[in-house]
């Protein structure tokens, strides 16, 4: 599953909302203008459709101001808008120049609906527009000459391709920027922002399907002593070393994150407190049994940790991290290189003032 899907949608909403509102205003104004022109020329069915679209645009504009379902309103507007466009092209008395509006379809579709749905909607309605053009003008040699038809087809295809390539590139760029913004630069683990985003999604899933979830808080023991004795560069190598062990011990669905300094948080989905303790113990043993070697110096590392379970220990990220931290501090005070399980009654001592 694409874990960046929801954050990317959230990033796209403001500009898609702005594009939709601009298009709605143009639809209102254009509906009035073209309705008047078509009434003057006697194209009453087309005028009625344009008045209806203008009125509908007003309703949608009011609805999208504070909506939490922007994507639904985009579909609710785009389908009638493009359908009205097809109707305008099919009306016998309509000018041949009305077919120029088809060039808007791929641009609007991709801006409002993204690369996948935008492409599907574009191909569908541009295909219908092509069929309407052929049915209307197949008996008119001047309109069916090879060169004009080829020009229209190639220009339409170019705009479709350019719109799609632009949207694909935009999404890829946003994904890369989002990944950079939510990744710890040293360890390449998730940072707090990433952990918060993923937790919000998993929290909804856990509530909906009543599935377990566990948070681990882990902290390297005597890390200050490592920095003081071997230098901060070696300390950085130690953090990378531990991050690599995390990846080796965890499933692809688990999320290890660096919370700051030498403290880490790990979100374990579909994992209860007992299973979370087993994972934490696996990591603790792996760290203790895998020393870091730097310039012929063998540096033995250990870590302490606490386990908190979604539900019994809270249902927000802040609550789970707080409870796991309490047990982490208890592990430190009991001698380190220890994991305190979920459900354990910690003494709730503050973190030690001495080297952790």
Protein backbone atom coordinates (compact mmCIF):
# COMPACT_ATOMS: atom_id res chain seq x y z
CA UNK A 1 0.00 0.00 0.00
CA UNK A 2 1.22 3.50 -0.86
CA UNK A 3 1.83 5.09 2.54
CA UNK A 4 2.27 8.52 0.92
CA UNK A 5 -1.13 8.44 -0.80
CA UNK A 6 -3.11 10.28 1.87
CA UNK A 7 -0.43 12.93 2.60
CA UNK A 8 -0.12 13.61 -1.14
CA UNK A 9 -3.89 13.98 -1.43
CA UNK A 10 -3.84 16.40 1.49
CA UNK A 11 -1.11 18.46 -0.21
CA UNK A 12 -3.04 18.53 -3.49
CA UNK A 13 -6.37 19.62 -1.97
CA UNK A 14 -5.63 23.37 -1.58
CA UNK A 15 -4.59 23.93 -5.19
CA UNK A 16 -7.30 21.61 -6.54
CA UNK A 17 -9.85 23.52 -4.52
CA UNK A 18 -8.52 26.79 -5.95
CA UNK A 19 -8.69 25.41 -9.50
CA UNK A 20 -12.23 24.12 -8.94
CA UNK A 21 -13.45 27.44 -7.54
CA UNK A 22 -11.92 29.34 -10.48
CA UNK A 23 -13.58 26.94 -12.91
CA UNK A 24 -16.91 27.31 -11.12
CA UNK A 25 -16.74 31.11 -11.42
CA UNK A 26 -15.94 30.82 -15.13
CA UNK A 27 -18.82 28.37 -15.54
CA UNK A 28 -21.22 30.83 -13.90
CA UNK A 29 -20.10 33.71 -16.10
CA UNK A 30 -19.78 31.59 -19.23
CA UNK A 31 -23.17 30.00 -18.63
CA UNK A 32 -24.83 33.42 -18.54
CA UNK A 33 -22.96 34.73 -21.59
CA UNK A 34 -23.48 31.70 -23.82
CA UNK A 35 -27.08 31.26 -22.69
CA UNK A 36 -27.84 34.80 -23.86
CA UNK A 37 -26.06 34.24 -27.18
CA UNK A 38 -27.86 30.94 -27.79
CA UNK A 39 -31.23 32.44 -26.88
CA UNK A 40 -30.61 35.17 -29.46
CA UNK A 41 -29.77 32.58 -32.12
CA UNK A 42 -32.70 30.33 -31.23
CA UNK A 43 -30.66 27.46 -29.75
CA UNK A 44 -33.05 27.05 -26.82
CA UNK A 45 -32.06 23.52 -25.67
CA UNK A 46 -28.41 24.56 -25.47
CA UNK A 47 -29.32 27.78 -23.66
CA UNK A 48 -31.31 25.80 -21.08
CA UNK A 49 -28.36 23.46 -20.46
CA UNK A 50 -26.01 26.42 -20.03
CA UNK A 51 -28.35 28.14 -17.59
CA UNK A 52 -28.64 24.89 -15.64
CA UNK A 53 -24.85 24.48 -15.52
CA UNK A 54 -24.43 28.07 -14.34
CA UNK A 55 -26.96 27.52 -11.55
CA UNK A 56 -25.37 24.20 -10.63
CA UNK A 57 -21.95 25.88 -10.49
CA UNK A 58 -23.33 28.35 -7.92
CA UNK A 59 -24.57 25.48 -5.74
CA UNK A 60 -21.27 23.61 -5.99
CA UNK A 61 -19.31 26.79 -5.22
CA UNK A 62 -21.24 27.22 -1.98
CA UNK A 63 -20.78 23.56 -1.09
CA UNK A 64 -17.01 23.36 -1.62
CA UNK A 65 -16.12 26.32 0.60
CA UNK A 66 -16.06 24.25 3.78
CA UNK A 67 -16.37 20.71 2.48
CA UNK A 68 -14.34 17.79 3.84
CA UNK A 69 -15.16 15.77 0.71
CA UNK A 70 -13.54 17.84 -2.02
CA UNK A 71 -12.82 14.83 -4.26
CA UNK A 72 -16.51 13.90 -4.34
CA UNK A 73 -17.53 17.42 -5.29
CA UNK A 74 -14.93 17.50 -8.05
CA UNK A 75 -16.48 14.39 -9.59
CA UNK A 76 -19.99 15.75 -9.00
CA UNK A 77 -19.07 18.85 -10.98
CA UNK A 78 -16.74 17.48 -13.66
CA UNK A 79 -19.09 14.78 -14.98
CA UNK A 80 -22.05 17.14 -15.62
CA UNK A 81 -19.67 19.81 -16.97
CA UNK A 82 -18.09 17.49 -19.52
CA UNK A 83 -21.46 15.91 -20.36
CA UNK A 84 -22.91 19.35 -21.05
CA UNK A 85 -19.91 19.99 -23.28
CA UNK A 86 -20.70 16.82 -25.26
CA UNK A 87 -24.33 17.91 -25.58
CA UNK A 88 -23.23 21.29 -26.94
CA UNK A 89 -21.09 19.57 -29.56
CA UNK A 90 -23.97 17.31 -30.60
CA UNK A 91 -26.57 20.07 -31.05
CA UNK A 92 -27.08 20.46 -34.84
CA UNK A 93 -27.26 24.27 -34.75
CA UNK A 94 -24.10 24.62 -32.65
CA UNK A 95 -21.07 26.20 -34.30
CA UNK A 96 -18.25 23.90 -35.37
CA UNK A 97 -15.92 25.95 -33.18
CA UNK A 98 -17.60 24.49 -30.08
CA UNK A 99 -15.35 21.45 -30.57
CA UNK A 100 -12.39 23.58 -29.48
CA UNK A 101 -13.68 23.15 -25.92
CA UNK A 102 -12.56 19.54 -25.99
CA UNK A 103 -8.98 20.77 -25.52
CA UNK A 104 -9.92 21.85 -21.99
CA UNK A 105 -10.87 18.32 -20.95
CA UNK A 106 -7.39 16.85 -20.35
CA UNK A 107 -6.12 20.02 -18.66
CA UNK A 108 -9.06 20.32 -16.27
CA UNK A 109 -9.26 16.58 -15.63
CA UNK A 110 -5.61 16.23 -14.65
CA UNK A 111 -5.57 19.40 -12.55
CA UNK A 112 -8.66 18.37 -10.60
CA UNK A 113 -8.43 14.58 -10.47
CA UNK A 114 -4.80 13.58 -10.76
CA UNK A 115 -2.99 11.38 -13.22
CA UNK A 116 -5.02 8.15 -13.04
CA UNK A 117 -8.62 9.33 -12.85
CA UNK A 118 -7.76 12.42 -14.88
CA UNK A 119 -6.40 10.29 -17.72
CA UNK A 120 -9.40 7.94 -17.65
CA UNK A 121 -11.93 10.80 -17.72
CA UNK A 122 -9.97 12.57 -20.47
CA UNK A 123 -9.78 9.54 -22.74
CA UNK A 124 -13.47 8.76 -22.20
CA UNK A 125 -14.83 12.21 -23.01
CA UNK A 126 -12.33 12.98 -25.75
CA UNK A 127 -13.32 9.69 -27.36
CA UNK A 128 -16.99 10.67 -27.19
CA UNK A 129 -16.14 14.09 -28.64
CA UNK A 130 -14.36 12.40 -31.54
CA UNK A 131 -17.37 10.19 -32.24
CA UNK A 132 -19.72 13.20 -32.15
CA UNK A 133 -17.46 15.07 -34.58
CA UNK A 134 -17.48 12.16 -37.03
CA UNK A 135 -21.26 11.70 -36.79
CA UNK A 136 -21.96 15.40 -37.32
CA UNK A 137 -19.59 16.04 -40.21
CA UNK A 138 -19.11 12.72 -41.99
CA UNK A 139 -21.17 14.02 -44.93
CA UNK A 140 -19.31 17.35 -45.13
CA UNK A 141 -16.14 16.95 -47.24
CA UNK A 142 -14.75 20.32 -46.15
CA UNK A 143 -14.75 19.22 -42.50
CA UNK A 144 -13.52 15.69 -43.16
CA UNK A 145 -10.36 16.47 -45.13
CA UNK A 146 -7.40 14.49 -43.89
CA UNK A 147 -5.19 17.46 -42.98
CA UNK A 148 -7.69 19.36 -40.76
CA UNK A 149 -8.79 16.15 -39.03
CA UNK A 150 -5.17 15.14 -38.45
CA UNK A 151 -4.35 18.57 -37.04
CA UNK A 152 -7.25 18.42 -34.58
CA UNK A 153 -6.43 14.85 -33.54
CA UNK A 154 -2.70 15.49 -33.06
CA UNK A 155 -3.23 18.73 -31.13
CA UNK A 156 -5.74 16.98 -28.87
CA UNK A 157 -3.35 14.09 -28.32
CA UNK A 158 -0.46 16.45 -27.56
CA UNK A 159 -2.45 18.33 -24.93
CA UNK A 160 -3.56 15.02 -23.39
CA UNK A 161 0.02 13.74 -23.23
CA UNK A 162 1.45 17.02 -21.93
CA UNK A 163 -1.25 17.25 -19.24
CA UNK A 164 -0.59 13.68 -18.12
CA UNK A 165 3.20 14.04 -18.12
CA UNK A 166 2.93 17.28 -16.15
CA UNK A 167 0.71 15.67 -13.52
CA UNK A 168 2.92 12.58 -13.24
CA UNK A 169 6.00 14.77 -12.81
CA UNK A 170 4.25 16.98 -10.27
CA UNK A 171 3.16 13.98 -8.19
CA UNK A 172 6.63 12.46 -8.32
CA UNK A 173 8.22 15.74 -7.24
CA UNK A 174 5.77 16.16 -4.37
CA UNK A 175 6.33 12.56 -3.30
CA UNK A 176 10.10 13.07 -3.26
CA UNK A 177 9.83 16.33 -1.31
CA UNK A 178 7.42 14.74 1.15
CA UNK A 179 9.75 11.79 1.61
CA UNK A 180 12.68 14.13 2.31
CA UNK A 181 10.59 16.19 4.75
CA UNK A 182 9.48 13.09 6.66
CA UNK A 183 12.79 11.22 6.80
CA UNK A 184 15.53 11.58 9.40
CA UNK A 185 18.60 12.67 7.44
CA UNK A 186 21.09 10.67 9.51
CA UNK A 187 19.45 7.27 9.97
CA UNK A 188 17.05 7.41 7.00
CA UNK A 189 14.31 6.29 9.36
CA UNK A 190 10.99 8.10 9.58
CA UNK A 191 10.87 11.28 11.65
CA UNK A 192 8.12 12.45 14.01
CA UNK A 193 6.08 13.99 11.19
CA UNK A 194 6.07 10.71 9.28
CA UNK A 195 5.23 8.73 12.40
CA UNK A 196 2.32 11.07 13.09
CA UNK A 197 0.93 10.71 9.55
CA UNK A 198 1.15 6.92 9.56
CA UNK A 199 -0.26 6.65 13.07
CA UNK A 200 -3.32 8.70 12.10
CA UNK A 201 -4.08 6.30 9.25
CA UNK A 202 -3.42 3.18 11.33
CA UNK A 203 -5.44 4.58 14.23
CA UNK A 204 -8.52 4.81 11.99
CA UNK A 205 -7.94 1.28 10.73
CA UNK A 206 -7.47 -0.12 14.24
CA UNK A 207 -10.71 1.48 15.39
CA UNK A 208 -12.66 0.37 12.34
CA UNK A 209 -11.51 -3.26 12.34
CA UNK A 210 -10.70 -3.62 16.05
CA UNK A 211 -7.11 -4.64 15.31
CA UNK A 212 -4.26 -4.35 17.84
CA UNK A 213 -1.41 -1.88 17.58
CA UNK A 214 1.67 -1.33 19.74
CA UNK A 215 4.21 1.44 20.23
CA UNK A 216 7.81 0.81 21.29
CA UNK A 217 10.02 3.49 22.82
CA UNK A 218 13.71 2.52 22.61
CA UNK A 219 16.77 4.44 23.76
CA UNK A 220 20.48 3.61 23.48
CA UNK A 221 22.20 3.11 26.83
CA UNK A 222 25.25 5.21 27.75
CA UNK A 223 25.14 6.96 24.39
CA UNK A 224 26.70 10.11 25.82
CA UNK A 225 29.70 8.04 26.91
CA UNK A 226 30.08 6.73 23.34
CA UNK A 227 30.10 10.31 22.01
CA UNK A 228 32.53 11.48 24.69
CA UNK A 229 34.96 8.60 24.22
CA UNK A 230 34.86 8.03 20.46
CA UNK A 231 33.54 11.32 19.09
CA UNK A 232 30.29 12.43 17.56
CA UNK A 233 31.08 10.92 14.16
CA UNK A 234 31.26 7.51 15.80
CA UNK A 235 28.06 8.34 17.65
CA UNK A 236 26.40 8.99 14.29
CA UNK A 237 27.70 5.65 13.02
CA UNK A 238 26.21 3.99 16.10
CA UNK A 239 22.79 5.48 15.34
CA UNK A 240 23.00 4.28 11.72
CA UNK A 241 24.11 0.85 12.97
CA UNK A 242 21.10 0.56 15.25
CA UNK A 243 18.74 1.81 12.51
CA UNK A 244 20.02 -0.96 10.24
CA UNK A 245 19.33 -3.55 12.95
CA UNK A 246 15.79 -2.21 13.30
CA UNK A 247 15.15 -2.75 9.60
CA UNK A 248 16.50 -6.31 9.79
CA UNK A 249 14.29 -7.17 12.77
CA UNK A 250 11.04 -5.57 11.61
CA UNK A 251 8.37 -6.34 9.06
CA UNK A 252 7.76 -4.12 6.06
CA UNK A 253 4.51 -2.94 7.68
CA UNK A 254 6.25 -1.75 10.87
CA UNK A 255 7.48 1.82 11.12
CA UNK A 256 10.71 2.66 12.96
CA UNK A 257 11.21 6.37 13.60
CA UNK A 258 13.87 8.50 15.20
CA UNK A 259 12.20 10.69 17.80
CA UNK A 260 15.30 12.69 18.63
CA UNK A 261 18.85 12.13 19.82
CA UNK A 262 19.30 8.45 20.60
CA UNK A 263 15.58 7.77 21.20
CA UNK A 264 13.50 5.82 18.72
CA UNK A 265 9.83 4.95 18.39
CA UNK A 266 8.53 1.93 16.52
CA UNK A 267 4.89 1.56 15.47
CA UNK A 268 3.84 -2.09 15.19
CA UNK A 269 0.55 -2.65 13.37
CA UNK A 270 -1.61 -5.75 13.96
CA UNK A 271 0.51 -6.43 17.04
CA UNK A 272 -0.71 -6.74 20.63
CA UNK A 273 1.30 -5.90 23.73
CA UNK A 274 2.70 -9.39 24.20
CA UNK A 275 3.81 -9.62 20.58
CA UNK A 276 5.25 -6.11 20.84
CA UNK A 277 7.36 -7.22 23.80
CA UNK A 278 8.69 -10.12 21.72
CA UNK A 279 9.68 -7.73 18.91
CA UNK A 280 11.34 -5.35 21.36
CA UNK A 281 13.28 -8.23 22.94
CA UNK A 282 14.37 -9.41 19.52
CA UNK A 283 15.73 -5.94 18.78
CA UNK A 284 17.36 -5.60 22.20
CA UNK A 285 19.17 -8.94 21.80
CA UNK A 286 20.21 -8.10 18.23
CA UNK A 287 21.70 -4.76 19.30
CA UNK A 288 23.52 -6.29 22.28
CA UNK A 289 24.94 -9.13 20.20
CA UNK A 290 26.00 -7.01 17.20
CA UNK A 291 28.82 -4.66 18.25
CA UNK A 292 29.87 -1.73 16.11
CA UNK A 293 33.46 -1.80 14.85
CA UNK A 294 35.08 1.57 14.03
CA UNK A 295 38.81 1.91 13.35
CA UNK A 296 39.57 -1.38 15.13
CA UNK A 297 37.51 -0.25 18.14
CA UNK A 298 34.76 -2.70 19.06
CA UNK A 299 31.89 -0.74 20.59
CA UNK A 300 29.23 -2.76 22.36
CA UNK A 301 25.82 -1.16 22.46
CA UNK A 302 22.69 -1.89 24.43
CA UNK A 303 19.30 -0.28 24.58
CA UNK A 304 16.39 0.00 26.96
CA UNK A 305 12.75 0.24 26.02
CA UNK A 306 9.11 0.38 26.95
CA UNK A 307 6.01 -1.06 25.30
CA UNK A 308 2.58 0.60 25.11
CA UNK A 309 -0.54 -0.98 23.63
CA UNK A 310 -3.23 0.85 21.67
CA UNK A 311 -6.39 0.91 23.77
CA UNK A 312 -5.24 -0.01 27.29
CA UNK A 313 -2.49 2.64 27.25
CA UNK A 314 -4.35 5.24 25.20
CA UNK A 315 -5.60 5.77 21.68
CA UNK A 316 -3.54 8.75 20.53
CA UNK A 317 0.09 8.87 19.49
CA UNK A 318 0.93 11.26 22.30
CA UNK A 319 -0.59 8.96 24.92
CA UNK A 320 1.15 5.85 23.59
CA UNK A 321 4.55 7.55 23.37
CA UNK A 322 4.11 8.93 26.87
CA UNK A 323 3.27 5.51 28.36
CA UNK A 324 6.07 3.79 26.44
CA UNK A 325 8.47 6.50 27.63
CA UNK A 326 7.47 5.93 31.25
CA UNK A 327 8.37 2.27 30.91
CA UNK A 328 11.57 3.18 29.07
CA UNK A 329 12.64 5.37 31.99
CA UNK A 330 11.75 2.56 34.37
CA UNK A 331 14.01 0.23 32.37
CA UNK A 332 16.83 2.77 32.68
CA UNK A 333 16.37 2.93 36.43
CA UNK A 334 16.35 -0.84 36.76
CA UNK A 335 19.81 -1.13 35.24
CA UNK A 336 19.33 -0.68 31.48
CA UNK A 337 19.49 -3.25 28.67
CA UNK A 338 15.90 -4.08 29.57
CA UNK A 339 12.41 -3.89 28.06
CA UNK A 340 9.42 -3.08 30.28
CA UNK A 341 6.25 -4.65 28.80
CA UNK A 342 2.86 -3.08 28.24
CA UNK A 343 0.65 -3.32 31.28
CA UNK A 344 3.58 -3.12 33.70
CA UNK A 345 3.18 -0.60 36.50
CA UNK A 346 6.14 1.72 36.19
CA UNK A 347 7.35 3.87 39.06
CA UNK A 348 6.91 6.87 36.74
CA UNK A 349 10.33 8.21 37.64
CA UNK A 350 11.70 11.07 35.59
CA UNK A 351 14.60 10.23 33.25
CA UNK A 352 17.95 9.92 34.98
CA UNK A 353 20.07 13.03 35.15
CA UNK A 354 23.19 10.94 34.57
CA UNK A 355 24.36 9.52 31.24
CA UNK A 356 21.51 7.59 29.66
